[in-house]
Amino acid sequence: MNVALAMTTEFMAMKDRLPQQIRNKVNKFVKRYRLNPTSGGFNFEPITNAGSDNLRSIRIDRKYRAIVLQEKKG
């Protein structure tokens, strides 16, 4: 399964400012997420009071997390 993944231009600019080691982890996460966003390896955590019940947090490493919009279907 290869899914479309939308990222803001702000994300791309900020990602380039991260330390190389973290950038590599983010790139690895993006690749894995595109291949299978429902992988059991992702721990989707709901974000309380986020304004949308579909927003989730996924751990990149101990310090960094990805915020994703998890659609109800698909």
C-alpha atoms as a PDB file:
ATOM      1  CA  MET A   1       0.000   0.000   0.000  1.00  0.00           C
ATOM      2  CA  ASN A   2       1.506   3.323  -1.064  1.00  0.00           C
ATOM      3  CA  VAL A   3      -0.492   6.325   0.152  1.00  0.00           C
ATOM      4  CA  ALA A   4      -0.422   9.998  -0.740  1.00  0.00           C
ATOM      5  CA  LEU A   5       1.157  12.058   1.982  1.00  0.00           C
ATOM      6  CA  ALA A   6       0.685  15.815   2.220  1.00  0.00           C
ATOM      7  CA  MET A   7       3.319  17.906   3.977  1.00  0.00           C
ATOM      8  CA  THR A   8       3.352  21.659   4.376  1.00  0.00           C
ATOM      9  CA  THR A   9       6.140  23.807   2.989  1.00  0.00           C
ATOM     10  CA  GLU A  10       6.786  24.841   6.592  1.00  0.00           C
ATOM     11  CA  PHE A  11       7.416  21.204   7.475  1.00  0.00           C
ATOM     12  CA  MET A  12       9.959  20.853   4.688  1.00  0.00           C
ATOM     13  CA  ALA A  13      11.771  24.052   5.702  1.00  0.00           C
ATOM     14  CA  MET A  14      11.828  23.113   9.396  1.00  0.00           C
ATOM     15  CA  LYS A  15      12.933  19.556   8.654  1.00  0.00           C
ATOM     16  CA  ASP A  16      15.988  20.936   6.874  1.00  0.00           C
ATOM     17  CA  ARG A  17      16.938  22.801  10.061  1.00  0.00           C
ATOM     18  CA  LEU A  18      16.975  19.641  12.194  1.00  0.00           C
ATOM     19  CA  PRO A  19      20.232  17.880  13.056  1.00  0.00           C
ATOM     20  CA  GLN A  20      21.192  15.337  10.379  1.00  0.00           C
ATOM     21  CA  GLN A  21      20.552  12.356  12.665  1.00  0.00           C
ATOM     22  CA  ILE A  22      16.971  13.502  13.316  1.00  0.00           C
ATOM     23  CA  ARG A  23      16.413  14.327   9.625  1.00  0.00           C
ATOM     24  CA  ASN A  24      17.381  10.749   8.805  1.00  0.00           C
ATOM     25  CA  LYS A  25      14.844   9.448  11.348  1.00  0.00           C
ATOM     26  CA  VAL A  26      12.133  11.724   9.946  1.00  0.00           C
ATOM     27  CA  ASN A  27      12.888  10.576   6.389  1.00  0.00           C
ATOM     28  CA  LYS A  28      12.759   6.937   7.505  1.00  0.00           C
ATOM     29  CA  PHE A  29       9.435   7.560   9.266  1.00  0.00           C
ATOM     30  CA  VAL A  30       7.933   9.263   6.188  1.00  0.00           C
ATOM     31  CA  LYS A  31       9.004   6.384   3.958  1.00  0.00           C
ATOM     32  CA  ARG A  32       7.579   3.752   6.340  1.00  0.00           C
ATOM     33  CA  TYR A  33       4.347   5.725   6.821  1.00  0.00           C
ATOM     34  CA  ARG A  34       3.800   6.085   3.066  1.00  0.00           C
ATOM     35  CA  LEU A  35       4.285   2.358   2.545  1.00  0.00           C
ATOM     36  CA  ASN A  36       1.897   1.300   5.312  1.00  0.00           C
ATOM     37  CA  PRO A  37       0.248   3.953   7.512  1.00  0.00           C
ATOM     38  CA  THR A  38      -1.594   1.257   9.479  1.00  0.00           C
ATOM     39  CA  SER A  39       1.578  -0.609  10.441  1.00  0.00           C
ATOM     40  CA  GLY A  40       1.548  -2.130  13.890  1.00  0.00           C
ATOM     41  CA  GLY A  41       4.907  -0.443  14.475  1.00  0.00           C
ATOM     42  CA  PHE A  42       3.245   2.960  14.798  1.00  0.00           C
ATOM     43  CA  ASN A  43       1.754   3.894  18.136  1.00  0.00           C
ATOM     44  CA  PHE A  44      -0.985   6.388  17.286  1.00  0.00           C
ATOM     45  CA  GLU A  45      -1.696   8.491  20.360  1.00  0.00           C
ATOM     46  CA  PRO A  46      -4.718  10.808  20.387  1.00  0.00           C
ATOM     47  CA  ILE A  47      -4.045  14.476  21.065  1.00  0.00           C
ATOM     48  CA  THR A  48      -6.341  15.824  23.767  1.00  0.00           C
ATOM     49  CA  ASN A  49      -8.193  19.067  22.951  1.00  0.00           C
ATOM     50  CA  ALA A  50      -6.665  19.223  19.459  1.00  0.00           C
ATOM     51  CA  GLY A  51      -9.748  20.566  17.703  1.00  0.00           C
ATOM     52  CA  SER A  52     -10.036  17.382  15.630  1.00  0.00           C
ATOM     53  CA  ASP A  53     -10.592  13.860  16.867  1.00  0.00           C
ATOM     54  CA  ASN A  54      -8.501  12.611  13.935  1.00  0.00           C
ATOM     55  CA  LEU A  55      -5.172  14.170  14.965  1.00  0.00           C
ATOM     56  CA  ARG A  56      -2.620  11.693  16.264  1.00  0.00           C
ATOM     57  CA  SER A  57       0.920  11.825  17.579  1.00  0.00           C
ATOM     58  CA  ILE A  58       3.506   9.212  16.510  1.00  0.00           C
ATOM     59  CA  ARG A  59       6.936   8.901  18.105  1.00  0.00           C
ATOM     60  CA  ILE A  60       9.951   9.594  15.870  1.00  0.00           C
ATOM     61  CA  ASP A  61      12.386   9.240  18.783  1.00  0.00           C
ATOM     62  CA  ARG A  62      12.472  10.148  22.483  1.00  0.00           C
ATOM     63  CA  LYS A  63      12.353  13.890  21.744  1.00  0.00           C
ATOM     64  CA  TYR A  64      10.534  14.237  18.400  1.00  0.00           C
ATOM     65  CA  ARG A  65       7.012  13.267  17.361  1.00  0.00           C
ATOM     66  CA  ALA A  66       5.068  13.406  14.110  1.00  0.00           C
ATOM     67  CA  ILE A  67       1.560  14.823  14.114  1.00  0.00           C
ATOM     68  CA  VAL A  68      -0.707  13.151  11.569  1.00  0.00           C
ATOM     69  CA  LEU A  69      -4.328  13.448  10.534  1.00  0.00           C
ATOM     70  CA  GLN A  70      -5.655   9.895  10.673  1.00  0.00           C
ATOM     71  CA  GLU A  71      -8.680   9.583   8.412  1.00  0.00           C
ATOM     72  CA  LYS A  72     -11.637   7.497   9.593  1.00  0.00           C
ATOM     73  CA  LYS A  73     -11.373   5.249   6.529  1.00  0.00           C
ATOM     74  CA  GLY A  74      -8.638   4.545   4.048  1.00  0.00           C
END
